[in-house]
Amino acid sequence: MNWLQLGGSIAAILVLAGIAWALGLGRTSITGEADAMRAAEDALSGFEATRAVVGSDGRAALVYGVDGRVAVLKMHGAQPAVRLVRTAAVQDTGEALLVESGERLFGRVSVKK
């Protein structure tokens, strides 16, 4: 076994892991209100966010727009999936905000308090 080759391989793996971390690749949660608002604005043309409610587990969020529209975000792999929903589709259960997206594939989203 060539120890120099092994050491070089481990160093290369650590460098690639650092680059992935710096780019935010592989994240698994929405990190805060600003992150949720930015994701909604990036995904929805003309959407201007005013505030966001991020779930305690960081897996989902609701983002409210200036014009009264509501966007729901849920993590789909490393990126949040974003959909516009009707305000009436949001139900407060006390433990979470349940959102019916109206799409079979997107499904029901739970924003845990």
N, C-alpha and C. Protein backbone atom coordinates (compact mmCIF):
# COMPACT_ATOMS: atom_id res chain seq x y z
N MET A 1 0.84 -1.18 0.00
CA MET A 1 0.00 0.00 0.00
C MET A 1 0.88 1.24 0.00
N ASN A 2 0.57 2.17 -0.83
CA ASN A 2 1.32 3.40 -0.94
C ASN A 2 0.71 4.44 0.00
N TRP A 3 1.42 4.76 1.08
CA TRP A 3 0.90 5.67 2.10
C TRP A 3 0.75 7.10 1.58
N LEU A 4 1.61 7.50 0.69
CA LEU A 4 1.52 8.83 0.10
C LEU A 4 0.24 8.97 -0.73
N GLN A 5 -0.08 7.92 -1.49
CA GLN A 5 -1.30 7.94 -2.29
C GLN A 5 -2.54 7.96 -1.40
N LEU A 6 -2.53 7.18 -0.31
CA LEU A 6 -3.65 7.16 0.63
C LEU A 6 -3.84 8.53 1.27
N GLY A 7 -2.74 9.14 1.71
CA GLY A 7 -2.83 10.47 2.32
C GLY A 7 -3.34 11.51 1.34
N GLY A 8 -2.88 11.45 0.10
CA GLY A 8 -3.35 12.38 -0.92
C GLY A 8 -4.83 12.21 -1.22
N SER A 9 -5.30 10.97 -1.23
CA SER A 9 -6.73 10.70 -1.48
C SER A 9 -7.59 11.26 -0.35
N ILE A 10 -7.16 11.06 0.88
CA ILE A 10 -7.91 11.59 2.03
C ILE A 10 -7.94 13.11 2.00
N ALA A 11 -6.81 13.73 1.67
CA ALA A 11 -6.75 15.19 1.58
C ALA A 11 -7.69 15.70 0.49
N ALA A 12 -7.71 15.02 -0.65
CA ALA A 12 -8.59 15.44 -1.74
C ALA A 12 -10.06 15.34 -1.35
N ILE A 13 -10.41 14.28 -0.63
CA ILE A 13 -11.79 14.12 -0.17
C ILE A 13 -12.17 15.25 0.78
N LEU A 14 -11.27 15.58 1.69
CA LEU A 14 -11.55 16.67 2.64
C LEU A 14 -11.69 18.01 1.93
N VAL A 15 -10.88 18.26 0.92
CA VAL A 15 -10.98 19.51 0.14
C VAL A 15 -12.33 19.57 -0.57
N LEU A 16 -12.76 18.48 -1.20
CA LEU A 16 -14.05 18.45 -1.89
C LEU A 16 -15.21 18.62 -0.91
N ALA A 17 -15.11 18.02 0.25
CA ALA A 17 -16.15 18.19 1.27
C ALA A 17 -16.23 19.64 1.72
N GLY A 18 -15.10 20.29 1.86
CA GLY A 18 -15.08 21.71 2.24
C GLY A 18 -15.70 22.60 1.18
N ILE A 19 -15.42 22.30 -0.08
CA ILE A 19 -16.02 23.07 -1.17
C ILE A 19 -17.53 22.89 -1.19
N ALA A 20 -18.00 21.65 -1.02
CA ALA A 20 -19.45 21.38 -0.99
C ALA A 20 -20.10 22.11 0.16
N TRP A 21 -19.45 22.13 1.33
CA TRP A 21 -20.01 22.84 2.48
C TRP A 21 -20.08 24.33 2.20
N ALA A 22 -19.02 24.90 1.63
CA ALA A 22 -18.98 26.34 1.34
C ALA A 22 -20.05 26.74 0.33
N LEU A 23 -20.37 25.85 -0.59
CA LEU A 23 -21.41 26.15 -1.60
C LEU A 23 -22.82 25.87 -1.10
N GLY A 24 -22.94 25.27 0.09
CA GLY A 24 -24.25 24.96 0.64
C GLY A 24 -24.87 23.72 0.03
N LEU A 25 -24.06 22.90 -0.60
CA LEU A 25 -24.58 21.67 -1.19
C LEU A 25 -24.85 20.65 -0.09
N GLY A 26 -25.92 19.93 -0.23
CA GLY A 26 -26.23 18.89 0.74
C GLY A 26 -26.94 19.38 1.98
N ARG A 27 -27.37 20.63 1.98
CA ARG A 27 -28.10 21.10 3.16
C ARG A 27 -29.43 20.36 3.23
N THR A 28 -29.95 20.22 4.42
CA THR A 28 -31.17 19.45 4.58
C THR A 28 -32.26 20.23 5.29
N SER A 29 -32.07 21.54 5.45
CA SER A 29 -33.10 22.30 6.14
C SER A 29 -33.11 23.75 5.68
N ILE A 30 -34.20 24.42 5.99
CA ILE A 30 -34.34 25.85 5.75
C ILE A 30 -33.79 26.51 7.01
N THR A 31 -32.77 27.33 6.86
CA THR A 31 -32.03 27.80 8.03
C THR A 31 -32.65 28.97 8.78
N GLY A 32 -33.61 29.64 8.22
CA GLY A 32 -34.23 30.75 8.92
C GLY A 32 -35.19 31.51 8.04
N GLU A 33 -35.75 32.58 8.61
CA GLU A 33 -36.75 33.38 7.91
C GLU A 33 -36.19 33.98 6.63
N ALA A 34 -34.98 34.53 6.69
CA ALA A 34 -34.38 35.15 5.51
C ALA A 34 -34.14 34.11 4.41
N ASP A 35 -33.71 32.93 4.79
CA ASP A 35 -33.47 31.85 3.83
C ASP A 35 -34.77 31.45 3.14
N ALA A 36 -35.85 31.33 3.91
CA ALA A 36 -37.16 30.97 3.34
C ALA A 36 -37.67 32.05 2.40
N MET A 37 -37.55 33.31 2.82
CA MET A 37 -38.02 34.41 1.98
C MET A 37 -37.24 34.48 0.66
N ARG A 38 -35.93 34.30 0.74
CA ARG A 38 -35.10 34.33 -0.46
C ARG A 38 -35.45 33.18 -1.40
N ALA A 39 -35.68 31.99 -0.85
CA ALA A 39 -36.02 30.83 -1.68
C ALA A 39 -37.36 31.05 -2.39
N ALA A 40 -38.34 31.62 -1.70
CA ALA A 40 -39.64 31.88 -2.32
C ALA A 40 -39.53 32.92 -3.42
N GLU A 41 -38.79 33.98 -3.17
CA GLU A 41 -38.62 35.03 -4.17
C GLU A 41 -37.85 34.52 -5.39
N ASP A 42 -36.88 33.65 -5.16
CA ASP A 42 -36.11 33.09 -6.28
C ASP A 42 -36.95 32.15 -7.14
N ALA A 43 -37.85 31.40 -6.50
CA ALA A 43 -38.63 30.39 -7.22
C ALA A 43 -39.88 30.95 -7.90
N LEU A 44 -40.44 32.03 -7.36
CA LEU A 44 -41.70 32.56 -7.88
C LEU A 44 -41.49 33.94 -8.48
N SER A 45 -41.70 34.04 -9.76
CA SER A 45 -41.51 35.31 -10.47
C SER A 45 -42.45 36.38 -9.92
N GLY A 46 -41.90 37.53 -9.56
CA GLY A 46 -42.70 38.65 -9.08
C GLY A 46 -43.14 38.56 -7.63
N PHE A 47 -42.78 37.49 -6.93
CA PHE A 47 -43.17 37.32 -5.53
C PHE A 47 -42.24 38.15 -4.66
N GLU A 48 -42.83 38.98 -3.79
CA GLU A 48 -42.06 39.80 -2.86
C GLU A 48 -42.49 39.43 -1.44
N ALA A 49 -41.59 38.82 -0.72
CA ALA A 49 -41.89 38.31 0.61
C ALA A 49 -41.86 39.41 1.67
N THR A 50 -42.75 39.27 2.65
CA THR A 50 -42.76 40.20 3.77
C THR A 50 -42.35 39.53 5.07
N ARG A 51 -42.76 38.28 5.25
CA ARG A 51 -42.39 37.55 6.46
C ARG A 51 -42.50 36.06 6.18
N ALA A 52 -41.90 35.27 7.06
CA ALA A 52 -41.92 33.82 6.90
C ALA A 52 -42.07 33.15 8.25
N VAL A 53 -42.68 31.98 8.22
CA VAL A 53 -42.78 31.12 9.40
C VAL A 53 -42.06 29.83 9.03
N VAL A 54 -40.97 29.55 9.74
CA VAL A 54 -40.16 28.37 9.45
C VAL A 54 -40.46 27.31 10.50
N GLY A 55 -40.67 26.08 10.07
CA GLY A 55 -40.93 24.98 10.99
C GLY A 55 -39.77 24.75 11.94
N SER A 56 -40.05 24.24 13.11
CA SER A 56 -39.02 24.01 14.12
C SER A 56 -37.97 23.01 13.66
N ASP A 57 -38.34 22.12 12.75
CA ASP A 57 -37.38 21.15 12.23
C ASP A 57 -36.67 21.63 10.97
N GLY A 58 -37.05 22.80 10.46
CA GLY A 58 -36.41 23.37 9.28
C GLY A 58 -36.76 22.67 7.97
N ARG A 59 -37.75 21.79 7.99
CA ARG A 59 -38.11 21.02 6.79
C ARG A 59 -39.19 21.70 5.95
N ALA A 60 -39.88 22.71 6.51
CA ALA A 60 -40.96 23.38 5.78
C ALA A 60 -41.10 24.83 6.27
N ALA A 61 -41.74 25.66 5.45
CA ALA A 61 -41.95 27.06 5.82
C ALA A 61 -43.13 27.63 5.05
N LEU A 62 -43.72 28.66 5.62
CA LEU A 62 -44.73 29.46 4.93
C LEU A 62 -44.15 30.85 4.74
N VAL A 63 -44.31 31.40 3.55
CA VAL A 63 -43.80 32.74 3.27
C VAL A 63 -44.96 33.58 2.77
N TYR A 64 -45.18 34.71 3.43
CA TYR A 64 -46.28 35.61 3.08
C TYR A 64 -45.75 36.72 2.19
N GLY A 65 -46.50 37.01 1.13
CA GLY A 65 -46.10 38.04 0.17
C GLY A 65 -46.80 39.36 0.40
N VAL A 66 -46.26 40.41 -0.19
CA VAL A 66 -46.80 41.76 -0.08
C VAL A 66 -48.23 41.81 -0.59
N ASP A 67 -48.51 41.07 -1.66
CA ASP A 67 -49.82 41.10 -2.30
C ASP A 67 -50.83 40.13 -1.69
N GLY A 68 -50.49 39.52 -0.54
CA GLY A 68 -51.42 38.60 0.13
C GLY A 68 -51.26 37.15 -0.27
N ARG A 69 -50.42 36.88 -1.26
CA ARG A 69 -50.19 35.49 -1.65
C ARG A 69 -49.35 34.79 -0.58
N VAL A 70 -49.51 33.46 -0.53
CA VAL A 70 -48.77 32.65 0.43
C VAL A 70 -48.03 31.55 -0.33
N ALA A 71 -46.75 31.41 -0.03
CA ALA A 71 -45.94 30.35 -0.63
C ALA A 71 -45.61 29.33 0.46
N VAL A 72 -45.67 28.07 0.09
CA VAL A 72 -45.28 27.01 1.01
C VAL A 72 -43.99 26.38 0.47
N LEU A 73 -43.06 26.15 1.37
CA LEU A 73 -41.79 25.54 1.00
C LEU A 73 -41.65 24.24 1.76
N LYS A 74 -41.10 23.23 1.09
CA LYS A 74 -40.73 22.01 1.80
C LYS A 74 -39.45 21.49 1.17
N MET A 75 -38.61 20.93 2.00
CA MET A 75 -37.34 20.43 1.50
C MET A 75 -37.59 19.23 0.60
N HIS A 76 -36.94 19.26 -0.53
CA HIS A 76 -37.00 18.16 -1.50
C HIS A 76 -35.55 17.86 -1.87
N GLY A 77 -34.96 16.94 -1.15
CA GLY A 77 -33.54 16.70 -1.32
C GLY A 77 -32.77 17.83 -0.66
N ALA A 78 -31.87 18.45 -1.40
CA ALA A 78 -31.06 19.52 -0.86
C ALA A 78 -31.63 20.91 -1.13
N GLN A 79 -32.71 20.99 -1.90
CA GLN A 79 -33.30 22.28 -2.25
C GLN A 79 -34.77 22.33 -1.84
N PRO A 80 -35.26 23.51 -1.45
CA PRO A 80 -36.68 23.60 -1.13
C PRO A 80 -37.54 23.65 -2.39
N ALA A 81 -38.64 22.92 -2.36
CA ALA A 81 -39.65 23.01 -3.42
C ALA A 81 -40.65 24.07 -2.97
N VAL A 82 -41.11 24.90 -3.89
CA VAL A 82 -41.95 26.05 -3.55
C VAL A 82 -43.23 26.02 -4.37
N ARG A 83 -44.37 26.26 -3.71
CA ARG A 83 -45.66 26.35 -4.40
C ARG A 83 -46.46 27.50 -3.80
N LEU A 84 -47.27 28.15 -4.63
CA LEU A 84 -48.24 29.12 -4.14
C LEU A 84 -49.48 28.37 -3.67
N VAL A 85 -50.05 28.79 -2.56
CA VAL A 85 -51.27 28.17 -2.04
C VAL A 85 -52.27 29.26 -1.66
N ARG A 86 -53.52 28.84 -1.57
CA ARG A 86 -54.55 29.76 -1.11
C ARG A 86 -54.43 29.92 0.41
N THR A 87 -54.73 31.08 0.92
CA THR A 87 -54.68 31.31 2.37
C THR A 87 -55.60 30.35 3.09
N ALA A 88 -56.75 30.00 2.49
CA ALA A 88 -57.70 29.08 3.10
C ALA A 88 -57.14 27.67 3.22
N ALA A 89 -56.08 27.38 2.50
CA ALA A 89 -55.50 26.04 2.55
C ALA A 89 -54.63 25.84 3.79
N VAL A 90 -54.41 26.90 4.57
CA VAL A 90 -53.57 26.82 5.76
C VAL A 90 -54.46 26.64 6.99
N GLN A 91 -54.21 25.57 7.74
CA GLN A 91 -54.98 25.28 8.96
C GLN A 91 -54.03 25.21 10.14
N ASP A 92 -54.39 25.88 11.24
CA ASP A 92 -53.59 25.85 12.46
C ASP A 92 -54.14 24.77 13.38
N THR A 93 -53.33 23.74 13.66
CA THR A 93 -53.76 22.65 14.53
C THR A 93 -53.29 22.84 15.97
N GLY A 94 -52.55 23.90 16.23
CA GLY A 94 -51.98 24.11 17.54
C GLY A 94 -50.54 23.62 17.61
N GLU A 95 -50.27 22.45 17.07
CA GLU A 95 -48.91 21.91 17.04
C GLU A 95 -48.19 22.24 15.74
N ALA A 96 -48.96 22.47 14.68
CA ALA A 96 -48.36 22.73 13.37
C ALA A 96 -49.35 23.50 12.50
N LEU A 97 -48.83 24.07 11.44
CA LEU A 97 -49.66 24.66 10.40
C LEU A 97 -49.71 23.63 9.27
N LEU A 98 -50.90 23.14 8.96
CA LEU A 98 -51.08 22.17 7.88
C LEU A 98 -51.50 22.90 6.62
N VAL A 99 -50.84 22.58 5.53
CA VAL A 99 -51.11 23.26 4.27
C VAL A 99 -51.46 22.22 3.22
N GLU A 100 -52.64 22.36 2.63
CA GLU A 100 -53.05 21.52 1.51
C GLU A 100 -52.58 22.22 0.24
N SER A 101 -51.66 21.62 -0.46
CA SER A 101 -51.08 22.26 -1.65
C SER A 101 -52.02 22.21 -2.85
N GLY A 102 -52.91 21.24 -2.86
CA GLY A 102 -53.79 21.07 -4.01
C GLY A 102 -53.14 20.26 -5.12
N GLU A 103 -51.92 19.83 -4.91
CA GLU A 103 -51.22 19.01 -5.90
C GLU A 103 -50.97 17.63 -5.30
N ARG A 104 -51.30 16.62 -6.06
CA ARG A 104 -51.14 15.25 -5.57
C ARG A 104 -49.68 14.93 -5.26
N LEU A 105 -48.78 15.32 -6.13
CA LEU A 105 -47.37 14.99 -5.94
C LEU A 105 -46.70 15.84 -4.86
N PHE A 106 -47.13 17.07 -4.69
CA PHE A 106 -46.54 17.93 -3.65
C PHE A 106 -47.10 17.56 -2.28
N GLY A 107 -48.39 17.25 -2.25
CA GLY A 107 -49.03 16.74 -1.04
C GLY A 107 -49.30 17.77 0.04
N ARG A 108 -49.58 17.26 1.22
CA ARG A 108 -49.85 18.07 2.40
C ARG A 108 -48.52 18.39 3.08
N VAL A 109 -48.39 19.65 3.52
CA VAL A 109 -47.14 20.08 4.16
C VAL A 109 -47.47 20.47 5.59
N SER A 110 -46.63 20.03 6.52
CA SER A 110 -46.78 20.36 7.92
C SER A 110 -45.62 21.25 8.36
N VAL A 111 -45.95 22.48 8.80
CA VAL A 111 -44.95 23.40 9.32
C VAL A 111 -45.05 23.33 10.83
N LYS A 112 -44.14 22.57 11.45
CA LYS A 112 -44.19 22.32 12.89
C LYS A 112 -43.81 23.57 13.66
N LYS A 113 -44.57 23.83 14.74
CA LYS A 113 -44.30 24.99 15.58
C LYS A 113 -43.20 24.71 16.57
